Protein backbone atom coordinates (compact mmCIF):
# COMPACT_ATOMS: atom_id res chain seq x y z
CA MET A 1 31.26 -0.32 -27.14
CA THR A 2 27.73 -1.93 -26.50
CA HIS A 3 26.45 -1.93 -23.36
CA LEU A 4 26.29 -5.18 -22.12
CA ALA A 5 30.60 -4.72 -22.62
CA ALA A 6 30.49 -1.45 -21.01
CA ALA A 7 28.92 -3.20 -17.89
CA THR A 8 30.54 -6.19 -17.83
CA ARG A 9 33.64 -3.98 -18.16
CA GLY A 10 32.46 -2.47 -15.09
CA ALA A 11 31.48 -5.33 -13.33
CA ASN A 12 35.18 -5.33 -11.21
CA ARG A 13 34.71 -1.26 -10.55
CA GLY A 14 34.14 -0.37 -7.04
CA HIS A 15 32.72 3.36 -5.84
CA ARG A 16 32.25 4.84 -2.30
CA GLU A 17 29.19 4.96 -1.40
CA ASN A 18 27.09 6.87 1.53
CA ARG A 19 23.33 5.77 2.11
CA PRO A 20 20.90 6.58 4.55
CA GLU A 21 19.60 4.22 6.97
CA SER A 22 16.20 2.57 5.50
CA PRO A 23 13.60 1.30 8.45
CA GLU A 24 13.58 -2.04 8.87
CA ARG A 25 10.90 -3.42 6.46
CA ALA A 26 8.34 -6.46 6.82
CA PRO A 27 9.26 -9.88 5.79
CA VAL A 28 9.20 -11.03 2.14
CA GLN A 29 9.44 -13.86 0.25
CA VAL A 30 12.48 -13.68 -1.71
CA GLY A 31 14.73 -16.41 -4.09
CA ALA A 32 13.54 -19.59 -4.22
CA PHE A 33 15.19 -23.11 -4.94
CA LEU A 34 14.28 -24.68 -8.51
CA ARG A 35 15.41 -28.28 -7.08
CA ASN A 36 17.39 -29.75 -3.96
CA GLY A 37 20.70 -28.67 -4.51
CA GLU A 38 24.35 -29.17 -3.14
CA LEU A 39 26.77 -26.54 -2.66
CA ASP A 40 30.54 -27.55 -2.16
CA LEU A 41 31.24 -24.80 0.53
CA PRO A 42 35.17 -23.53 0.84
CA GLU A 43 36.80 -25.24 3.62
CA SER A 44 37.24 -21.87 6.02
CA GLU A 45 34.45 -21.08 8.29
CA ASP A 46 35.76 -17.92 8.98
CA ALA A 47 35.38 -16.53 5.45
CA MET A 48 34.52 -12.97 5.08
CA THR A 49 33.62 -10.86 2.65
CA GLN A 50 36.93 -8.98 1.03
CA VAL A 51 37.07 -5.45 2.03
CA ASN A 52 39.48 -3.21 -0.13
CA GLY A 53 38.86 -0.19 0.87
CA GLU A 54 36.24 0.86 -0.96
CA ALA A 55 32.43 0.39 -0.78
CA GLY A 56 31.08 -1.90 -3.04
CA SER A 57 27.59 -3.48 -4.07
CA THR A 58 25.48 -4.14 -1.07
CA LEU A 59 23.43 -6.55 -3.33
CA PRO A 60 24.19 -9.48 -2.48
CA ARG A 61 24.10 -8.34 1.61
CA ARG A 62 20.46 -6.79 1.08
CA GLN A 63 19.66 -9.86 -0.57
CA LEU A 64 21.24 -11.99 2.81
CA GLY A 65 19.49 -9.44 5.11
CA ARG A 66 16.30 -9.93 3.75
CA TYR A 67 16.17 -13.34 4.51
CA LEU A 68 17.42 -13.32 7.84
CA LEU A 69 14.75 -10.46 8.57
CA GLU A 70 12.21 -13.00 7.08
CA TRP A 71 13.62 -16.22 9.01
CA ARG A 72 13.69 -14.24 12.58
CA SER A 73 10.01 -13.48 12.05
CA ARG A 74 9.15 -16.77 11.27
CA ALA A 75 11.17 -18.47 14.15
CA GLY A 76 9.51 -15.46 16.52
CA TYR A 77 12.83 -13.95 17.63
CA THR A 78 13.14 -10.15 18.72
CA GLN A 79 15.98 -8.66 17.12
CA ALA A 80 17.17 -7.98 20.65
CA LYS A 81 16.51 -11.60 21.62
CA ALA A 82 18.34 -13.05 18.45
CA ALA A 83 21.15 -10.91 19.18
CA GLN A 84 21.36 -12.28 22.64
CA LEU A 85 21.33 -15.81 21.77
CA LEU A 86 23.80 -14.89 18.83
CA GLU A 87 26.15 -13.28 21.20
CA ILE A 88 26.61 -10.10 18.85
CA GLY A 89 25.01 -6.76 19.78
CA ALA A 90 22.00 -5.41 18.52
CA THR A 91 22.89 -2.96 16.49
CA SER A 92 24.90 -5.25 14.18
CA LEU A 93 22.34 -7.31 13.71
CA GLY A 94 20.15 -4.59 12.87
CA ARG A 95 23.14 -3.79 10.48
CA LEU A 96 23.04 -7.07 9.06
CA GLU A 97 19.46 -7.32 8.18
CA LYS A 98 19.55 -3.95 6.67
CA GLY A 99 22.36 -4.87 4.27
CA GLU A 100 24.84 -2.70 6.00
CA ASN A 101 27.82 -4.94 7.01
CA SER A 102 30.71 -4.71 5.11
CA ARG A 103 32.37 -7.29 6.80
CA ILE A 104 30.34 -11.05 7.49
CA LYS A 105 31.64 -13.46 9.28
CA SER A 106 30.56 -16.86 7.25
CA ARG A 107 29.94 -18.46 10.97
CA ASP A 108 27.87 -15.87 12.35
CA ILE A 109 25.76 -16.50 9.24
CA GLN A 110 25.54 -19.97 9.91
CA ALA A 111 24.81 -19.73 13.63
CA ALA A 112 21.74 -17.17 12.89
CA CYS A 113 20.64 -20.14 10.38
CA ASP A 114 20.75 -22.33 12.70
CA LEU A 115 19.24 -20.74 15.63
CA TYR A 116 16.30 -20.01 13.22
CA GLY A 117 15.86 -23.26 11.64
CA VAL A 118 16.74 -22.58 8.09
CA PRO A 119 16.86 -25.65 5.69
CA GLU A 120 20.49 -26.78 4.69
CA ASP A 121 20.19 -25.57 1.16
CA LEU A 122 18.63 -22.08 2.12
CA THR A 123 21.91 -22.08 4.63
CA ALA A 124 24.33 -23.14 2.18
CA ALA A 125 23.31 -20.16 -0.24
CA LEU A 126 22.91 -17.35 2.42
CA VAL A 127 26.50 -18.37 3.30
CA GLY A 128 27.65 -17.67 -0.62
CA LEU A 129 25.87 -14.50 -0.10
CA ALA A 130 28.13 -13.46 2.58
CA ARG A 131 30.94 -14.81 0.95
CA GLN A 132 30.69 -12.59 -2.21
CA ALA A 133 33.46 -9.83 -3.06
CA ASN A 134 32.57 -6.26 -2.84
CA VAL A 135 32.68 -5.04 -6.06
CA LYS A 136 30.05 -2.37 -7.70
CA ASN A 137 28.15 -4.34 -10.43
CA TRP A 138 28.02 -8.26 -9.77
CA TRP A 139 28.55 -11.04 -12.40
CA HIS A 140 26.65 -13.95 -10.33
CA GLN A 141 27.97 -16.84 -12.21
CA TYR A 142 25.88 -20.31 -11.48
CA GLY A 143 26.80 -22.68 -8.86
CA ASP A 144 29.90 -20.26 -8.15
CA LEU A 145 29.63 -20.05 -3.91
CA ILE A 146 25.72 -19.95 -3.94
CA PRO A 147 23.98 -23.10 -5.39
CA LYS A 148 22.84 -23.12 -9.02
CA ASP A 149 19.55 -23.92 -8.21
CA PHE A 150 18.72 -20.60 -5.95
CA ASP A 151 17.48 -17.89 -7.82
CA VAL A 152 18.80 -14.55 -6.86
CA TYR A 153 16.91 -12.82 -8.99
CA VAL A 154 13.31 -13.96 -7.56
CA GLY A 155 13.93 -12.06 -4.29
CA LEU A 156 15.12 -8.87 -6.27
CA GLU A 157 11.85 -8.58 -8.07
CA ALA A 158 10.03 -9.82 -5.18
CA ALA A 159 11.16 -6.39 -3.49
CA ALA A 160 10.57 -4.16 -6.24
CA ALA A 161 8.14 -1.16 -6.55
CA LYS A 162 8.41 -0.93 -10.30
CA ILE A 163 10.16 -2.97 -12.57
CA VAL A 164 11.23 -1.17 -16.19
CA THR A 165 11.94 -4.12 -19.23
CA TYR A 166 13.09 -4.24 -22.66
CA GLN A 167 12.23 -7.55 -24.41
CA PRO A 168 12.95 -7.62 -27.71
CA GLU A 169 12.48 -10.97 -28.38
CA LEU A 170 10.26 -12.52 -25.98
CA VAL A 171 7.05 -11.69 -23.72
CA PRO A 172 8.15 -10.60 -20.67
CA GLY A 173 8.03 -13.53 -17.76
CA LEU A 174 5.47 -11.50 -15.42
CA LEU A 175 3.26 -11.21 -18.11
CA GLN A 176 3.24 -14.91 -20.00
CA ILE A 177 0.56 -17.21 -19.61
CA ALA A 178 1.50 -21.03 -18.17
CA ASP A 179 0.88 -22.07 -21.68
CA TYR A 180 3.51 -20.04 -23.45
CA ASP A 181 5.86 -20.85 -20.40
CA ARG A 182 5.27 -24.48 -21.12
CA ALA A 183 6.20 -24.06 -24.70
CA LEU A 184 9.27 -22.10 -23.73
CA ALA A 185 10.26 -25.19 -21.26
CA ALA A 186 9.80 -27.86 -23.64
CA SER A 187 12.73 -26.89 -25.71
CA ARG A 188 14.83 -27.64 -22.42
CA SER A 189 15.32 -31.02 -22.71
CA HIS A 190 18.15 -31.26 -20.09
CA ASP A 191 15.04 -31.17 -17.72
CA THR A 192 12.54 -33.69 -16.30
CA GLU A 193 9.16 -32.71 -16.94
CA ASP A 194 8.61 -32.18 -13.51
CA GLU A 195 11.35 -29.58 -13.11
CA ARG A 196 9.98 -27.69 -15.80
CA GLU A 197 6.11 -27.72 -14.20
CA ARG A 198 7.71 -26.16 -11.34
CA ARG A 199 9.45 -23.45 -13.25
CA VAL A 200 6.75 -22.58 -14.97
CA GLN A 201 4.40 -23.28 -11.55
CA LEU A 202 7.35 -20.69 -9.90
CA LYS A 203 6.55 -18.16 -12.72
CA MET A 204 2.72 -17.76 -12.29
CA GLN A 205 3.63 -17.37 -8.22
CA ARG A 206 6.20 -14.75 -9.12
CA GLN A 207 3.54 -12.78 -11.11
CA ARG A 208 1.56 -12.11 -7.81
CA ILE A 209 3.25 -9.12 -7.42
CA VAL A 210 1.27 -7.57 -10.48
CA THR A 211 -2.03 -8.49 -9.41
CA ARG A 212 -2.20 -8.27 -6.22
CA LYS A 213 -4.20 -6.10 -4.52
CA THR A 214 -2.07 -4.23 -1.77
CA ARG A 215 1.23 -2.15 -3.70
CA PRO A 216 1.29 -3.93 -6.64
CA VAL A 217 4.03 -3.59 -8.66
CA THR A 218 4.07 -0.91 -11.14
CA LEU A 219 5.63 -2.61 -14.64
CA ASP A 220 6.56 -0.09 -17.82
CA VAL A 221 7.24 -2.53 -20.66
CA VAL A 222 8.20 -2.53 -24.51
CA VAL A 223 8.30 -5.22 -26.77
CA GLY A 224 9.58 -6.26 -29.44
CA GLU A 225 7.39 -7.02 -32.48
CA ALA A 226 9.27 -9.99 -33.13
CA ALA A 227 7.90 -11.44 -29.84
CA LEU A 228 4.89 -11.69 -31.45
CA ARG A 229 5.31 -12.84 -34.55
CA ARG A 230 7.49 -15.91 -33.25
CA ILE A 231 5.46 -18.39 -32.37
CA ALA A 232 5.94 -20.42 -29.12
CA GLY A 233 3.94 -23.79 -28.79
CA SER A 234 1.23 -22.60 -31.26
CA ARG A 235 -0.93 -20.30 -32.94
CA ARG A 236 -3.73 -21.14 -30.51
CA ILE A 237 -1.02 -20.05 -27.66
CA MET A 238 0.04 -17.50 -29.06
CA ALA A 239 -3.50 -16.06 -29.26
CA ALA A 240 -4.34 -16.75 -25.98
CA GLN A 241 -1.03 -15.16 -24.79
CA LEU A 242 -1.53 -11.75 -27.04
CA ARG A 243 -5.36 -11.46 -25.55
CA HIS A 244 -3.51 -11.55 -22.23
CA LEU A 245 -0.75 -9.31 -22.97
CA ALA A 246 -3.41 -6.98 -24.02
CA ASP A 247 -5.60 -7.23 -21.25
CA GLN A 248 -3.11 -6.78 -18.75
CA SER A 249 -2.16 -3.51 -20.60
CA THR A 250 -5.18 -1.98 -19.23
CA GLU A 251 -4.41 -2.17 -15.71
CA ASP A 252 -3.70 0.79 -13.85
CA ASN A 253 0.05 -0.70 -13.15
CA VAL A 254 0.88 -2.01 -16.32
CA GLU A 255 2.55 -0.22 -19.65
CA VAL A 256 2.81 -2.10 -22.38
CA ARG A 257 4.37 -0.87 -26.00
CA ILE A 258 5.22 -2.34 -28.69
CA LEU A 259 8.35 -1.81 -30.73
CA PRO A 260 7.74 -2.41 -34.60
CA PHE A 261 10.06 -3.89 -37.25
CA ALA A 262 9.64 -0.08 -38.66
CA ALA A 263 10.84 1.84 -36.13
CA GLY A 264 14.65 0.43 -36.85
CA PHE A 265 17.42 0.55 -34.13
CA PRO A 266 16.61 3.41 -31.78
CA ASN A 267 19.85 4.77 -30.31
CA GLY A 268 21.55 3.37 -33.04
CA VAL A 269 22.48 -0.10 -31.46
CA SER A 270 21.03 -3.30 -31.11
CA MET A 271 20.06 -3.79 -27.07
CA PRO A 272 19.98 -7.03 -25.19
CA PRO A 273 16.82 -7.57 -23.06
CA PHE A 274 17.54 -5.90 -19.84
CA VAL A 275 15.35 -5.50 -16.54
CA VAL A 276 15.69 -2.50 -14.27
CA LEU A 277 14.57 -2.97 -11.09
CA HIS A 278 13.48 0.49 -8.89
CA TYR A 279 12.58 0.26 -4.86
CA GLY A 280 10.75 3.21 -4.20
CA GLN A 281 12.00 6.35 -1.98
CA ALA A 282 12.29 6.23 1.84
CA ALA A 283 12.10 10.59 1.22
CA PRO A 284 12.31 12.33 -1.50
CA GLY A 285 15.47 11.44 -3.40
CA GLU A 286 16.41 9.04 -0.80
CA PRO A 287 15.82 5.53 -2.51
CA VAL A 288 14.58 2.78 -0.24
CA GLU A 289 17.57 0.92 -1.93
CA PRO A 290 19.46 1.53 -5.15
CA SER A 291 18.35 0.43 -8.89
CA VAL A 292 19.38 -2.64 -10.29
CA VAL A 293 19.81 -3.41 -13.63
CA PHE A 294 19.36 -7.38 -14.61
CA LEU A 295 20.84 -9.50 -17.27
CA GLU A 296 20.12 -12.43 -18.04
CA GLY A 297 22.56 -14.87 -19.01
CA ILE A 298 23.42 -18.40 -19.95
CA VAL A 299 26.34 -19.23 -17.51
CA GLY A 300 25.39 -16.66 -14.95
CA ASN A 301 23.71 -13.03 -14.97
CA LEU A 302 24.74 -9.63 -14.26
CA TYR A 303 23.44 -7.24 -11.51
CA ILE A 304 24.88 -3.17 -12.03
CA GLU A 305 24.69 -0.89 -9.51
CA ASP A 306 26.79 1.98 -10.57
CA SER A 307 24.53 4.83 -10.93
CA ASP A 308 26.40 6.15 -14.05
CA ASP A 309 25.74 2.47 -15.83
CA VAL A 310 22.14 2.58 -14.48
CA ALA A 311 21.42 5.86 -15.91
CA SER A 312 22.90 4.82 -18.97
CA PHE A 313 20.21 2.00 -19.46
CA LEU A 314 17.46 4.08 -18.78
CA ARG A 315 18.49 6.44 -21.29
CA SER A 316 18.40 3.82 -23.80
CA TYR A 317 15.35 2.47 -22.52
CA ASP A 318 13.46 6.13 -23.23
CA GLY A 319 14.94 5.93 -26.63
CA ILE A 320 13.54 2.60 -27.46
CA ARG A 321 9.90 3.80 -25.34
CA ASP A 322 10.01 7.09 -27.93
CA ALA A 323 10.29 4.97 -30.83
CA ALA A 324 7.71 2.37 -30.15
CA LEU A 325 4.43 2.76 -30.62
CA ASP A 326 1.86 4.44 -28.12
CA THR A 327 -0.16 2.07 -25.16
CA SER A 328 -3.08 2.48 -27.05
CA GLY A 329 -2.10 1.64 -30.78
CA SER A 330 0.48 -1.18 -28.95
CA ARG A 331 -2.91 -2.53 -27.30
CA GLN A 332 -4.70 -2.65 -30.93
CA LEU A 333 -1.80 -4.72 -32.65
CA LEU A 334 -1.67 -7.17 -29.74
CA ARG A 335 -5.60 -7.78 -30.23
CA GLN A 336 -5.43 -7.39 -34.15
CA LEU A 337 -2.56 -10.33 -34.38
CA ALA A 338 -4.20 -11.96 -31.67
CA ARG A 339 -7.19 -12.20 -34.18
CA GLU A 340 -5.33 -13.25 -36.92
CA TYR A 341 -3.80 -16.43 -34.67
CA GLY A 342 -6.56 -17.41 -33.70
CA SER A 343 -8.64 -17.18 -37.34
CA ALA A 344 -6.01 -19.08 -39.34
CA PRO A 345 -6.14 -23.27 -39.48
């Protein structure tokens, strides 16, 4: 069975989890709407997340908590004052903002959004997050409860301390140049030109987590040789993209390795592209948040928190990384191919 099949099978498993409380964190920008979208909400205003006796994935709740903390801070309310106005306990609001509440009333989320002045489209998304089922691994189907144009992954990425990714056929998004991304976007015939450009600009904004001066995210990347050989747009664009990839790999927080064709199939399987997001440690051996594996799909995305499944992906990544060229050899290959692209007519 492939890792993807095993992960999908595990998406409905629940596991009991005891986690230490993490300190309140500064507001961060999480998620994004790419277009104005409408969400057809269920009729019941009192819908809650379903609890089946076992603690499930806290990922949707953590995302919800980040937004509530951010917008409360924007509105200028202390936690105590907001709790008073919402007629709930300050402790309950604190747990909600940390993603630690297992039972969340949609009407409470609606009330908080009204108090904080959250836009209607974002309010719909937050109510959708509150209604997600408690499962250890979360399959997020586009447009199911959460508006299709709300990007859950962007928030997870923005909060990560380290990102590990294997991309066999594409340059990773955080290392793409705008023209490379535009070349990819040009094939999306169902999007307007303005929508495609907005997506490109969103990706460029996402890349700030790599280049910022204060606590930039650490990137550990393996890119398949196919990504270097397959032309996106033109040879000129590929030359610029590979030079950029080589230049970025010289930064202290970025490691790029190339898996050459000659390496065959590490671990004896063909792995899909995947991302592992790590969130640092509050104390030795105590992660701030559980690590998450992200698998992107056409009709939805899979978010994996089960610790055994995450460990399985990391073991596979180690095998791929070991089979790849080292950082120096990878940079040399990138610059060599960039020269070849640049010199060709």
